[in-house]
Each structure stands twice: as C-alpha cells, then as structure tokens.
Amino acid sequence: MDSRTKIVGLVSGVVLMGLVGLSGCGGSITGKSTGQTTSDAAISAEVKTKLTHDDNLTFLPPIDVDTERGVVNLTGVVPTEFHRARATRLAQEVEGVTRVNNKLRVRPWLF
C-alpha cells in the first residue's frame, strides 16, 4: 500500500468518526432533540391547518404560528377579541400543545 492510499484511508476514517460523533448531537445547538423538533413542526402545521380552515378566521391575514417544546406562539393581527380568543382555543385543541402564548394584536380599523 503506498503512502497516498494510507493518507486517503486515514482522512476517510477521521471524517467518518466525526460524522458518527455528530449524529449523536441532534438538536444540541437548539437544545431540542430531533424528535422534539419534528413534534414541534407537526404541532405548528396542525395549528395552522385548524386556523386556516376555521370559518371564523378564513378571511383574515395569515396568523404566524411558532412552536417551541409544545408551547405555541401566535402572532399577527386580527379584527376583534373574539378572533383572538378563537385562535387560542383552536391551538389548545391540538395534541401536544402545552401552552399557547397569544401575541395577536386586535386592530379593527385594518379590516
């Protein structure tokens, strides 16, 4: 085996070990596991679906939904307190939601 083949083998081994080591760090930058990230994404998607398909909210601009460890954050603008409360109720109905932070602003003159 020549020295070039040995170097390629050594570099390949180091890279492989690094990749194996990184695979165990899923979500370490955010502090969330891969499963939690997927779960949060699924929660956000389901909340968005409920909001966009609700007859009371369909005519409104999109409500932003962000989920972090089961806590749903709603942001945007709605015309009435009824719409604000309705968005909270719908989000609370989604499985996996532990809390809803409703940051929706009521701005009736925009509608």
PDB file of N, CA and C in Angstrom:
ATOM      1  N   MET A   1       0.849  -1.163   0.000  1.00  0.00           N
ATOM      2  CA  MET A   1       0.000   0.000   0.000  1.00  0.00           C
ATOM      3  C   MET A   1       0.905   1.240   0.000  1.00  0.00           C
ATOM      4  N   ASP A   2       0.661   2.158  -0.918  1.00  0.00           N
ATOM      5  CA  ASP A   2       1.519   3.338  -0.975  1.00  0.00           C
ATOM      6  C   ASP A   2       1.043   4.393   0.036  1.00  0.00           C
ATOM      7  N   SER A   3       1.838   5.429   0.228  1.00  0.00           N
ATOM      8  CA  SER A   3       1.547   6.439   1.254  1.00  0.00           C
ATOM      9  C   SER A   3       0.280   7.230   0.921  1.00  0.00           C
ATOM     10  N   ARG A   4       0.003   7.413  -0.361  1.00  0.00           N
ATOM     11  CA  ARG A   4      -1.207   8.149  -0.745  1.00  0.00           C
ATOM     12  C   ARG A   4      -2.451   7.382  -0.316  1.00  0.00           C
ATOM     13  N   THR A   5      -2.474   6.095  -0.509  1.00  0.00           N
ATOM     14  CA  THR A   5      -3.604   5.257  -0.108  1.00  0.00           C
ATOM     15  C   THR A   5      -3.784   5.283   1.403  1.00  0.00           C
ATOM     16  N   LYS A   6      -2.666   5.262   2.130  1.00  0.00           N
ATOM     17  CA  LYS A   6      -2.741   5.326   3.593  1.00  0.00           C
ATOM     18  C   LYS A   6      -3.331   6.655   4.059  1.00  0.00           C
ATOM     19  N   ILE A   7      -2.924   7.747   3.428  1.00  0.00           N
ATOM     20  CA  ILE A   7      -3.436   9.078   3.803  1.00  0.00           C
ATOM     21  C   ILE A   7      -4.935   9.178   3.517  1.00  0.00           C
ATOM     22  N   VAL A   8      -5.354   8.710   2.344  1.00  0.00           N
ATOM     23  CA  VAL A   8      -6.782   8.728   1.993  1.00  0.00           C
ATOM     24  C   VAL A   8      -7.577   7.903   2.998  1.00  0.00           C
ATOM     25  N   GLY A   9      -7.047   6.735   3.363  1.00  0.00           N
ATOM     26  CA  GLY A   9      -7.726   5.881   4.347  1.00  0.00           C
ATOM     27  C   GLY A   9      -7.813   6.547   5.702  1.00  0.00           C
ATOM     28  N   LEU A  10      -6.745   7.198   6.115  1.00  0.00           N
ATOM     29  CA  LEU A  10      -6.726   7.889   7.401  1.00  0.00           C
ATOM     30  C   LEU A  10      -7.716   9.049   7.418  1.00  0.00           C
ATOM     31  N   VAL A  11      -7.706   9.864   6.373  1.00  0.00           N
ATOM     32  CA  VAL A  11      -8.630  11.003   6.286  1.00  0.00           C
ATOM     33  C   VAL A  11     -10.075  10.511   6.258  1.00  0.00           C
ATOM     34  N   SER A  12     -10.332   9.469   5.496  1.00  0.00           N
ATOM     35  CA  SER A  12     -11.687   8.907   5.431  1.00  0.00           C
ATOM     36  C   SER A  12     -12.146   8.426   6.798  1.00  0.00           C
ATOM     37  N   GLY A  13     -11.241   7.779   7.533  1.00  0.00           N
ATOM     38  CA  GLY A  13     -11.576   7.292   8.867  1.00  0.00           C
ATOM     39  C   GLY A  13     -11.891   8.434   9.827  1.00  0.00           C
ATOM     40  N   VAL A  14     -11.100   9.500   9.760  1.00  0.00           N
ATOM     41  CA  VAL A  14     -11.329  10.656  10.632  1.00  0.00           C
ATOM     42  C   VAL A  14     -12.674  11.313  10.304  1.00  0.00           C
ATOM     43  N   VAL A  15     -12.952  11.486   9.027  1.00  0.00           N
ATOM     44  CA  VAL A  15     -14.229  12.084   8.611  1.00  0.00           C
ATOM     45  C   VAL A  15     -15.395  11.217   9.074  1.00  0.00           C
ATOM     46  N   LEU A  16     -15.297   9.917   8.885  1.00  0.00           N
ATOM     47  CA  LEU A  16     -16.355   9.003   9.301  1.00  0.00           C
ATOM     48  C   LEU A  16     -16.585   9.073  10.804  1.00  0.00           C
ATOM     49  N   MET A  17     -15.511   9.110  11.576  1.00  0.00           N
ATOM     50  CA  MET A  17     -15.651   9.203  13.036  1.00  0.00           C
ATOM     51  C   MET A  17     -16.319  10.518  13.426  1.00  0.00           C
ATOM     52  N   GLY A  18     -15.965  11.584  12.735  1.00  0.00           N
ATOM     53  CA  GLY A  18     -16.578  12.877  13.012  1.00  0.00           C
ATOM     54  C   GLY A  18     -18.067  12.871  12.716  1.00  0.00           C
ATOM     55  N   LEU A  19     -18.450  12.265  11.603  1.00  0.00           N
ATOM     56  CA  LEU A  19     -19.865  12.194  11.251  1.00  0.00           C
ATOM     57  C   LEU A  19     -20.641  11.350  12.252  1.00  0.00           C
ATOM     58  N   VAL A  20     -20.069  10.244  12.677  1.00  0.00           N
ATOM     59  CA  VAL A  20     -20.723   9.397  13.672  1.00  0.00           C
ATOM     60  C   VAL A  20     -20.886  10.175  14.977  1.00  0.00           C
ATOM     61  N   GLY A  21     -19.864  10.910  15.357  1.00  0.00           N
ATOM     62  CA  GLY A  21     -19.948  11.710  16.577  1.00  0.00           C
ATOM     63  C   GLY A  21     -20.999  12.786  16.487  1.00  0.00           C
ATOM     64  N   LEU A  22     -21.109  13.439  15.345  1.00  0.00           N
ATOM     65  CA  LEU A  22     -22.103  14.495  15.172  1.00  0.00           C
ATOM     66  C   LEU A  22     -23.519  13.953  15.139  1.00  0.00           C
ATOM     67  N   SER A  23     -23.692  12.735  14.683  1.00  0.00           N
ATOM     68  CA  SER A  23     -25.044  12.180  14.589  1.00  0.00           C
ATOM     69  C   SER A  23     -25.697  12.059  15.953  1.00  0.00           C
ATOM     70  N   GLY A  24     -24.928  11.960  16.998  1.00  0.00           N
ATOM     71  CA  GLY A  24     -25.486  11.889  18.346  1.00  0.00           C
ATOM     72  C   GLY A  24     -25.801  13.247  18.936  1.00  0.00           C
ATOM     73  N   CYS A  25     -25.529  14.295  18.188  1.00  0.00           N
ATOM     74  CA  CYS A  25     -25.733  15.651  18.689  1.00  0.00           C
ATOM     75  C   CYS A  25     -26.992  16.275  18.131  1.00  0.00           C
ATOM     76  N   GLY A  26     -27.948  15.482  17.706  1.00  0.00           N
ATOM     77  CA  GLY A  26     -29.162  16.012  17.108  1.00  0.00           C
ATOM     78  C   GLY A  26     -29.818  17.075  17.963  1.00  0.00           C
ATOM     79  N   GLY A  27     -29.871  18.279  17.444  1.00  0.00           N
ATOM     80  CA  GLY A  27     -30.545  19.361  18.131  1.00  0.00           C
ATOM     81  C   GLY A  27     -29.737  19.994  19.247  1.00  0.00           C
ATOM     82  N   SER A  28     -28.469  19.649  19.403  1.00  0.00           N
ATOM     83  CA  SER A  28     -27.720  20.188  20.529  1.00  0.00           C
ATOM     84  C   SER A  28     -27.553  21.697  20.434  1.00  0.00           C
ATOM     85  N   ILE A  29     -27.549  22.248  19.246  1.00  0.00           N
ATOM     86  CA  ILE A  29     -27.430  23.696  19.095  1.00  0.00           C
ATOM     87  C   ILE A  29     -28.678  24.379  19.639  1.00  0.00           C
ATOM     88  N   THR A  30     -29.850  23.816  19.377  1.00  0.00           N
ATOM     89  CA  THR A  30     -31.098  24.417  19.842  1.00  0.00           C
ATOM     90  C   THR A  30     -31.523  23.875  21.196  1.00  0.00           C
ATOM     91  N   GLY A  31     -30.879  22.804  21.655  1.00  0.00           N
ATOM     92  CA  GLY A  31     -31.276  22.193  22.910  1.00  0.00           C
ATOM     93  C   GLY A  31     -32.469  21.273  22.756  1.00  0.00           C
ATOM     94  N   LYS A  32     -32.876  21.018  21.518  1.00  0.00           N
ATOM     95  CA  LYS A  32     -34.024  20.160  21.255  1.00  0.00           C
ATOM     96  C   LYS A  32     -33.558  18.908  20.532  1.00  0.00           C
ATOM     97  N   SER A  33     -34.175  17.796  20.864  1.00  0.00           N
ATOM     98  CA  SER A  33     -33.857  16.565  20.160  1.00  0.00           C
ATOM     99  C   SER A  33     -34.516  16.593  18.786  1.00  0.00           C
ATOM    100  N   THR A  34     -34.079  15.711  17.914  1.00  0.00           N
ATOM    101  CA  THR A  34     -34.669  15.627  16.585  1.00  0.00           C
ATOM    102  C   THR A  34     -36.155  15.310  16.695  1.00  0.00           C
ATOM    103  N   GLY A  35     -36.517  14.429  17.627  1.00  0.00           N
ATOM    104  CA  GLY A  35     -37.928  14.091  17.824  1.00  0.00           C
ATOM    105  C   GLY A  35     -38.749  15.281  18.262  1.00  0.00           C
ATOM    106  N   GLN A  36     -38.193  16.106  19.141  1.00  0.00           N
ATOM    107  CA  GLN A  36     -38.915  17.296  19.610  1.00  0.00           C
ATOM    108  C   GLN A  36     -39.086  18.296  18.477  1.00  0.00           C
ATOM    109  N   THR A  37     -38.057  18.467  17.649  1.00  0.00           N
ATOM    110  CA  THR A  37     -38.153  19.382  16.516  1.00  0.00           C
ATOM    111  C   THR A  37     -39.252  18.945  15.574  1.00  0.00           C
ATOM    112  N   THR A  38     -39.301  17.631  15.292  1.00  0.00           N
ATOM    113  CA  THR A  38     -40.340  17.097  14.428  1.00  0.00           C
ATOM    114  C   THR A  38     -41.704  17.293  15.062  1.00  0.00           C
ATOM    115  N   SER A  39     -41.814  17.027  16.344  1.00  0.00           N
ATOM    116  CA  SER A  39     -43.081  17.183  17.041  1.00  0.00           C
ATOM    117  C   SER A  39     -43.534  18.638  17.018  1.00  0.00           C
ATOM    118  N   ASP A  40     -42.625  19.578  17.267  1.00  0.00           N
ATOM    119  CA  ASP A  40     -42.971  20.994  17.240  1.00  0.00           C
ATOM    120  C   ASP A  40     -43.426  21.421  15.847  1.00  0.00           C
ATOM    121  N   ALA A  41     -42.743  20.916  14.820  1.00  0.00           N
ATOM    122  CA  ALA A  41     -43.132  21.231  13.441  1.00  0.00           C
ATOM    123  C   ALA A  41     -44.523  20.676  13.135  1.00  0.00           C
ATOM    124  N   ALA A  42     -44.797  19.471  13.620  1.00  0.00           N
ATOM    125  CA  ALA A  42     -46.113  18.865  13.400  1.00  0.00           C
ATOM    126  C   ALA A  42     -47.201  19.644  14.128  1.00  0.00           C
ATOM    127  N   ILE A  43     -46.904  20.089  15.335  1.00  0.00           N
ATOM    128  CA  ILE A  43     -47.868  20.892  16.094  1.00  0.00           C
ATOM    129  C   ILE A  43     -48.156  22.187  15.343  1.00  0.00           C
ATOM    130  N   SER A  44     -47.111  22.884  14.907  1.00  0.00           N
ATOM    131  CA  SER A  44     -47.298  24.142  14.172  1.00  0.00           C
ATOM    132  C   SER A  44     -48.137  23.921  12.924  1.00  0.00           C
ATOM    133  N   ALA A  45     -47.848  22.858  12.197  1.00  0.00           N
ATOM    134  CA  ALA A  45     -48.595  22.563  10.969  1.00  0.00           C
ATOM    135  C   ALA A  45     -50.063  22.307  11.266  1.00  0.00           C
ATOM    136  N   GLU A  46     -50.332  21.545  12.327  1.00  0.00           N
ATOM    137  CA  GLU A  46     -51.729  21.246  12.652  1.00  0.00           C
ATOM    138  C   GLU A  46     -52.468  22.493  13.120  1.00  0.00           C
ATOM    139  N   VAL A  47     -51.798  23.336  13.917  1.00  0.00           N
ATOM    140  CA  VAL A  47     -52.432  24.585  14.366  1.00  0.00           C
ATOM    141  C   VAL A  47     -52.737  25.470  13.158  1.00  0.00           C
ATOM    142  N   LYS A  48     -51.791  25.609  12.238  1.00  0.00           N
ATOM    143  CA  LYS A  48     -52.006  26.428  11.041  1.00  0.00           C
ATOM    144  C   LYS A  48     -53.190  25.904  10.233  1.00  0.00           C
ATOM    145  N   THR A  49     -53.269  24.587  10.115  1.00  0.00           N
ATOM    146  CA  THR A  49     -54.380  23.982   9.374  1.00  0.00           C
ATOM    147  C   THR A  49     -55.709  24.314  10.035  1.00  0.00           C
ATOM    148  N   LYS A  50     -55.774  24.184  11.358  1.00  0.00           N
ATOM    149  CA  LYS A  50     -57.016  24.491  12.069  1.00  0.00           C
ATOM    150  C   LYS A  50     -57.395  25.961  11.895  1.00  0.00           C
ATOM    151  N   LEU A  51     -56.412  26.848  11.955  1.00  0.00           N
ATOM    152  CA  LEU A  51     -56.690  28.277  11.824  1.00  0.00           C
ATOM    153  C   LEU A  51     -57.168  28.633  10.423  1.00  0.00           C
ATOM    154  N   THR A  52     -56.549  28.044   9.410  1.00  0.00           N
ATOM    155  CA  THR A  52     -56.923  28.394   8.036  1.00  0.00           C
ATOM    156  C   THR A  52     -58.233  27.750   7.591  1.00  0.00           C
ATOM    157  N   HIS A  53     -58.650  26.687   8.267  1.00  0.00           N
ATOM    158  CA  HIS A  53     -59.901  26.028   7.895  1.00  0.00           C
ATOM    159  C   HIS A  53     -61.081  26.410   8.783  1.00  0.00           C
ATOM    160  N   ASP A  54     -60.859  27.260   9.758  1.00  0.00           N
ATOM    161  CA  ASP A  54     -61.947  27.691  10.634  1.00  0.00           C
ATOM    162  C   ASP A  54     -62.749  28.793   9.942  1.00  0.00           C
ATOM    163  N   ASP A  55     -64.065  28.615   9.886  1.00  0.00           N
ATOM    164  CA  ASP A  55     -64.933  29.574   9.195  1.00  0.00           C
ATOM    165  C   ASP A  55     -64.826  30.995   9.757  1.00  0.00           C
ATOM    166  N   ASN A  56     -64.488  31.132  11.030  1.00  0.00           N
ATOM    167  CA  ASN A  56     -64.393  32.455  11.635  1.00  0.00           C
ATOM    168  C   ASN A  56     -63.075  33.164  11.330  1.00  0.00           C
ATOM    169  N   LEU A  57     -62.086  32.424  10.853  1.00  0.00           N
ATOM    170  CA  LEU A  57     -60.761  33.004  10.653  1.00  0.00           C
ATOM    171  C   LEU A  57     -60.272  32.978   9.206  1.00  0.00           C
ATOM    172  N   THR A  58     -61.016  32.353   8.314  1.00  0.00           N
ATOM    173  CA  THR A  58     -60.522  32.152   6.943  1.00  0.00           C
ATOM    174  C   THR A  58     -60.309  33.448   6.179  1.00  0.00           C
ATOM    175  N   PHE A  59     -61.064  34.472   6.454  1.00  0.00           N
ATOM    176  CA  PHE A  59     -60.945  35.720   5.688  1.00  0.00           C
ATOM    177  C   PHE A  59     -59.825  36.621   6.206  1.00  0.00           C
ATOM    178  N   LEU A  60     -59.180  36.235   7.291  1.00  0.00           N
ATOM    179  CA  LEU A  60     -58.145  37.055   7.909  1.00  0.00           C
ATOM    180  C   LEU A  60     -56.779  36.819   7.270  1.00  0.00           C
ATOM    181  N   PRO A  61     -55.874  37.778   7.434  1.00  0.00           N
ATOM    182  CA  PRO A  61     -54.489  37.521   7.002  1.00  0.00           C
ATOM    183  C   PRO A  61     -53.933  36.338   7.796  1.00  0.00           C
ATOM    184  N   PRO A  62     -52.927  35.673   7.271  1.00  0.00           N
ATOM    185  CA  PRO A  62     -52.371  34.506   7.969  1.00  0.00           C
ATOM    186  C   PRO A  62     -51.871  34.860   9.372  1.00  0.00           C
ATOM    187  N   ILE A  63     -52.118  33.946  10.282  1.00  0.00           N
ATOM    188  CA  ILE A  63     -51.603  34.064  11.649  1.00  0.00           C
ATOM    189  C   ILE A  63     -50.312  33.262  11.700  1.00  0.00           C
ATOM    190  N   ASP A  64     -49.253  33.895  12.182  1.00  0.00           N
ATOM    191  CA  ASP A  64     -47.970  33.197  12.298  1.00  0.00           C
ATOM    192  C   ASP A  64     -48.004  32.268  13.506  1.00  0.00           C
ATOM    193  N   VAL A  65     -47.528  31.049  13.301  1.00  0.00           N
ATOM    194  CA  VAL A  65     -47.507  30.037  14.354  1.00  0.00           C
ATOM    195  C   VAL A  65     -46.083  29.518  14.504  1.00  0.00           C
ATOM    196  N   ASP A  66     -45.581  29.555  15.716  1.00  0.00           N
ATOM    197  CA  ASP A  66     -44.261  29.012  16.014  1.00  0.00           C
ATOM    198  C   ASP A  66     -44.390  28.173  17.279  1.00  0.00           C
ATOM    199  N   THR A  67     -43.818  26.992  17.272  1.00  0.00           N
ATOM    200  CA  THR A  67     -43.912  26.099  18.425  1.00  0.00           C
ATOM    201  C   THR A  67     -42.521  25.778  18.939  1.00  0.00           C
ATOM    202  N   GLU A  68     -42.359  25.881  20.236  1.00  0.00           N
ATOM    203  CA  GLU A  68     -41.089  25.584  20.897  1.00  0.00           C
ATOM    204  C   GLU A  68     -41.380  24.717  22.110  1.00  0.00           C
ATOM    205  N   ARG A  69     -41.007  23.426  22.018  1.00  0.00           N
ATOM    206  CA  ARG A  69     -41.226  22.471  23.112  1.00  0.00           C
ATOM    207  C   ARG A  69     -42.687  22.403  23.552  1.00  0.00           C
ATOM    208  N   GLY A  70     -43.570  22.404  22.576  1.00  0.00           N
ATOM    209  CA  GLY A  70     -45.005  22.278  22.854  1.00  0.00           C
ATOM    210  C   GLY A  70     -45.705  23.589  23.163  1.00  0.00           C
ATOM    211  N   VAL A  71     -44.958  24.675  23.281  1.00  0.00           N
ATOM    212  CA  VAL A  71     -45.549  25.990  23.549  1.00  0.00           C
ATOM    213  C   VAL A  71     -45.761  26.691  22.211  1.00  0.00           C
ATOM    214  N   VAL A  72     -47.015  27.001  21.914  1.00  0.00           N
ATOM    215  CA  VAL A  72     -47.373  27.627  20.646  1.00  0.00           C
ATOM    216  C   VAL A  72     -47.419  29.142  20.820  1.00  0.00           C
ATOM    217  N   ASN A  73     -46.747  29.844  19.919  1.00  0.00           N
ATOM    218  CA  ASN A  73     -46.767  31.302  19.898  1.00  0.00           C
ATOM    219  C   ASN A  73     -47.539  31.752  18.666  1.00  0.00           C
ATOM    220  N   LEU A  74     -48.584  32.537  18.887  1.00  0.00           N
ATOM    221  CA  LEU A  74     -49.388  33.068  17.796  1.00  0.00           C
ATOM    222  C   LEU A  74     -49.081  34.553  17.657  1.00  0.00           C
ATOM    223  N   THR A  75     -48.772  34.996  16.443  1.00  0.00           N
ATOM    224  CA  THR A  75     -48.530  36.413  16.205  1.00  0.00           C
ATOM    225  C   THR A  75     -49.246  36.843  14.934  1.00  0.00           C
ATOM    226  N   GLY A  76     -49.596  38.106  14.896  1.00  0.00           N
ATOM    227  CA  GLY A  76     -50.290  38.661  13.743  1.00  0.00           C
ATOM    228  C   GLY A  76     -51.317  39.674  14.205  1.00  0.00           C
ATOM    229  N   VAL A  77     -52.249  39.966  13.304  1.00  0.00           N
ATOM    230  CA  VAL A  77     -53.279  40.975  13.582  1.00  0.00           C
ATOM    231  C   VAL A  77     -54.644  40.380  13.273  1.00  0.00           C
ATOM    232  N   VAL A  78     -55.596  40.638  14.163  1.00  0.00           N
ATOM    233  CA  VAL A  78     -56.982  40.192  13.982  1.00  0.00           C
ATOM    234  C   VAL A  78     -57.916  41.377  14.253  1.00  0.00           C
ATOM    235  N   PRO A  79     -59.161  41.317  13.753  1.00  0.00           N
ATOM    236  CA  PRO A  79     -60.050  42.467  13.898  1.00  0.00           C
ATOM    237  C   PRO A  79     -60.751  42.587  15.258  1.00  0.00           C
ATOM    238  N   THR A  80     -60.935  41.467  15.966  1.00  0.00           N
ATOM    239  CA  THR A  80     -61.692  41.538  17.221  1.00  0.00           C
ATOM    240  C   THR A  80     -61.090  40.616  18.280  1.00  0.00           C
ATOM    241  N   GLU A  81     -61.501  40.854  19.512  1.00  0.00           N
ATOM    242  CA  GLU A  81     -61.073  39.987  20.614  1.00  0.00           C
ATOM    243  C   GLU A  81     -61.639  38.575  20.430  1.00  0.00           C
ATOM    244  N   PHE A  82     -62.819  38.463  19.814  1.00  0.00           N
ATOM    245  CA  PHE A  82     -63.389  37.142  19.524  1.00  0.00           C
ATOM    246  C   PHE A  82     -62.429  36.321  18.670  1.00  0.00           C
ATOM    247  N   HIS A  83     -61.879  36.924  17.613  1.00  0.00           N
ATOM    248  CA  HIS A  83     -60.962  36.217  16.717  1.00  0.00           C
ATOM    249  C   HIS A  83     -59.678  35.830  17.453  1.00  0.00           C
ATOM    250  N   ARG A  84     -59.229  36.704  18.312  1.00  0.00           N
ATOM    251  CA  ARG A  84     -58.019  36.433  19.105  1.00  0.00           C
ATOM    252  C   ARG A  84     -58.251  35.215  20.006  1.00  0.00           C
ATOM    253  N   ALA A  85     -59.384  35.215  20.711  1.00  0.00           N
ATOM    254  CA  ALA A  85     -59.713  34.110  21.616  1.00  0.00           C
ATOM    255  C   ALA A  85     -59.967  32.815  20.846  1.00  0.00           C
ATOM    256  N   ARG A  86     -60.589  32.933  19.685  1.00  0.00           N
ATOM    257  CA  ARG A  86     -60.873  31.749  18.864  1.00  0.00           C
ATOM    258  C   ARG A  86     -59.568  31.068  18.429  1.00  0.00           C
ATOM    259  N   ALA A  87     -58.579  31.862  18.052  1.00  0.00           N
ATOM    260  CA  ALA A  87     -57.283  31.304  17.648  1.00  0.00           C
ATOM    261  C   ALA A  87     -56.643  30.549  18.810  1.00  0.00           C
ATOM    262  N   THR A  88     -56.741  31.095  20.007  1.00  0.00           N
ATOM    263  CA  THR A  88     -56.186  30.417  21.186  1.00  0.00           C
ATOM    264  C   THR A  88     -56.880  29.087  21.415  1.00  0.00           C
ATOM    265  N   ARG A  89     -58.217  29.093  21.375  1.00  0.00           N
ATOM    266  CA  ARG A  89     -58.973  27.855  21.603  1.00  0.00           C
ATOM    267  C   ARG A  89     -58.602  26.778  20.589  1.00  0.00           C
ATOM    268  N   LEU A  90     -58.502  27.163  19.329  1.00  0.00           N
ATOM    269  CA  LEU A  90     -58.161  26.179  18.293  1.00  0.00           C
ATOM    270  C   LEU A  90     -56.761  25.608  18.513  1.00  0.00           C
ATOM    271  N   ALA A  91     -55.817  26.453  18.873  1.00  0.00           N
ATOM    272  CA  ALA A  91     -54.450  25.975  19.113  1.00  0.00           C
ATOM    273  C   ALA A  91     -54.413  25.030  20.311  1.00  0.00           C
ATOM    274  N   GLN A  92     -55.181  25.326  21.349  1.00  0.00           N
ATOM    275  CA  GLN A  92     -55.199  24.487  22.544  1.00  0.00           C
ATOM    276  C   GLN A  92     -55.768  23.098  22.263  1.00  0.00           C
ATOM    277  N   GLU A  93     -56.552  22.956  21.223  1.00  0.00           N
ATOM    278  CA  GLU A  93     -57.160  21.669  20.882  1.00  0.00           C
ATOM    279  C   GLU A  93     -56.173  20.686  20.248  1.00  0.00           C
ATOM    280  N   VAL A  94     -55.035  21.179  19.804  1.00  0.00           N
ATOM    281  CA  VAL A  94     -54.072  20.327  19.104  1.00  0.00           C
ATOM    282  C   VAL A  94     -53.292  19.498  20.117  1.00  0.00           C
ATOM    283  N   GLU A  95     -53.195  18.212  19.832  1.00  0.00           N
ATOM    284  CA  GLU A  95     -52.464  17.298  20.709  1.00  0.00           C
ATOM    285  C   GLU A  95     -50.990  17.691  20.772  1.00  0.00           C
ATOM    286  N   GLY A  96     -50.453  17.699  21.970  1.00  0.00           N
ATOM    287  CA  GLY A  96     -49.054  18.039  22.172  1.00  0.00           C
ATOM    288  C   GLY A  96     -48.825  19.476  22.598  1.00  0.00           C
ATOM    289  N   VAL A  97     -49.852  20.317  22.491  1.00  0.00           N
ATOM    290  CA  VAL A  97     -49.725  21.713  22.897  1.00  0.00           C
ATOM    291  C   VAL A  97     -49.784  21.783  24.420  1.00  0.00           C
ATOM    292  N   THR A  98     -48.761  22.377  25.018  1.00  0.00           N
ATOM    293  CA  THR A  98     -48.730  22.503  26.473  1.00  0.00           C
ATOM    294  C   THR A  98     -49.193  23.884  26.927  1.00  0.00           C
ATOM    295  N   ARG A  99     -49.001  24.886  26.061  1.00  0.00           N
ATOM    296  CA  ARG A  99     -49.426  26.247  26.399  1.00  0.00           C
ATOM    297  C   ARG A  99     -49.514  27.057  25.106  1.00  0.00           C
ATOM    298  N   VAL A 100     -50.352  28.095  25.123  1.00  0.00           N
ATOM    299  CA  VAL A 100     -50.458  28.987  23.971  1.00  0.00           C
ATOM    300  C   VAL A 100     -50.150  30.404  24.434  1.00  0.00           C
ATOM    301  N   ASN A 101     -49.153  31.009  23.794  1.00  0.00           N
ATOM    302  CA  ASN A 101     -48.851  32.425  24.019  1.00  0.00           C
ATOM    303  C   ASN A 101     -49.494  33.194  22.873  1.00  0.00           C
ATOM    304  N   ASN A 102     -50.593  33.859  23.168  1.00  0.00           N
ATOM    305  CA  ASN A 102     -51.309  34.583  22.131  1.00  0.00           C
ATOM    306  C   ASN A 102     -50.803  36.018  22.092  1.00  0.00           C
ATOM    307  N   LYS A 103     -50.010  36.311  21.075  1.00  0.00           N
ATOM    308  CA  LYS A 103     -49.465  37.655  20.893  1.00  0.00           C
ATOM    309  C   LYS A 103     -50.171  38.385  19.754  1.00  0.00           C
ATOM    310  N   LEU A 104     -51.364  37.902  19.402  1.00  0.00           N
ATOM    311  CA  LEU A 104     -52.135  38.535  18.335  1.00  0.00           C
ATOM    312  C   LEU A 104     -52.582  39.921  18.784  1.00  0.00           C
ATOM    313  N   ARG A 105     -52.486  40.879  17.884  1.00  0.00           N
ATOM    314  CA  ARG A 105     -52.927  42.244  18.186  1.00  0.00           C
ATOM    315  C   ARG A 105     -54.287  42.480  17.559  1.00  0.00           C
ATOM    316  N   VAL A 106     -55.163  43.114  18.303  1.00  0.00           N
ATOM    317  CA  VAL A 106     -56.511  43.445  17.802  1.00  0.00           C
ATOM    318  C   VAL A 106     -56.425  44.833  17.171  1.00  0.00           C
ATOM    319  N   ARG A 107     -56.710  44.895  15.878  1.00  0.00           N
ATOM    320  CA  ARG A 107     -56.684  46.148  15.115  1.00  0.00           C
ATOM    321  C   ARG A 107     -57.924  46.215  14.224  1.00  0.00           C
ATOM    322  N   PRO A 108     -59.077  46.603  14.770  1.00  0.00           N
ATOM    323  CA  PRO A 108     -60.320  46.583  13.985  1.00  0.00           C
ATOM    324  C   PRO A 108     -60.302  47.496  12.771  1.00  0.00           C
ATOM    325  N   TRP A 109     -59.578  48.600  12.820  1.00  0.00           N
ATOM    326  CA  TRP A 109     -59.592  49.546  11.704  1.00  0.00           C
ATOM    327  C   TRP A 109     -58.832  49.066  10.483  1.00  0.00           C
ATOM    328  N   LEU A 110     -58.080  47.991  10.600  1.00  0.00           N
ATOM    329  CA  LEU A 110     -57.361  47.443   9.460  1.00  0.00           C
ATOM    330  C   LEU A 110     -58.253  46.549   8.590  1.00  0.00           C
ATOM    331  N   PHE A 111     -59.422  46.222   9.088  1.00  0.00           N
ATOM    332  CA  PHE A 111     -60.269  45.277   8.358  1.00  0.00           C
ATOM    333  C   PHE A 111     -61.499  45.894   7.851  1.00  0.00           C
TER     334      PHE A 111
END
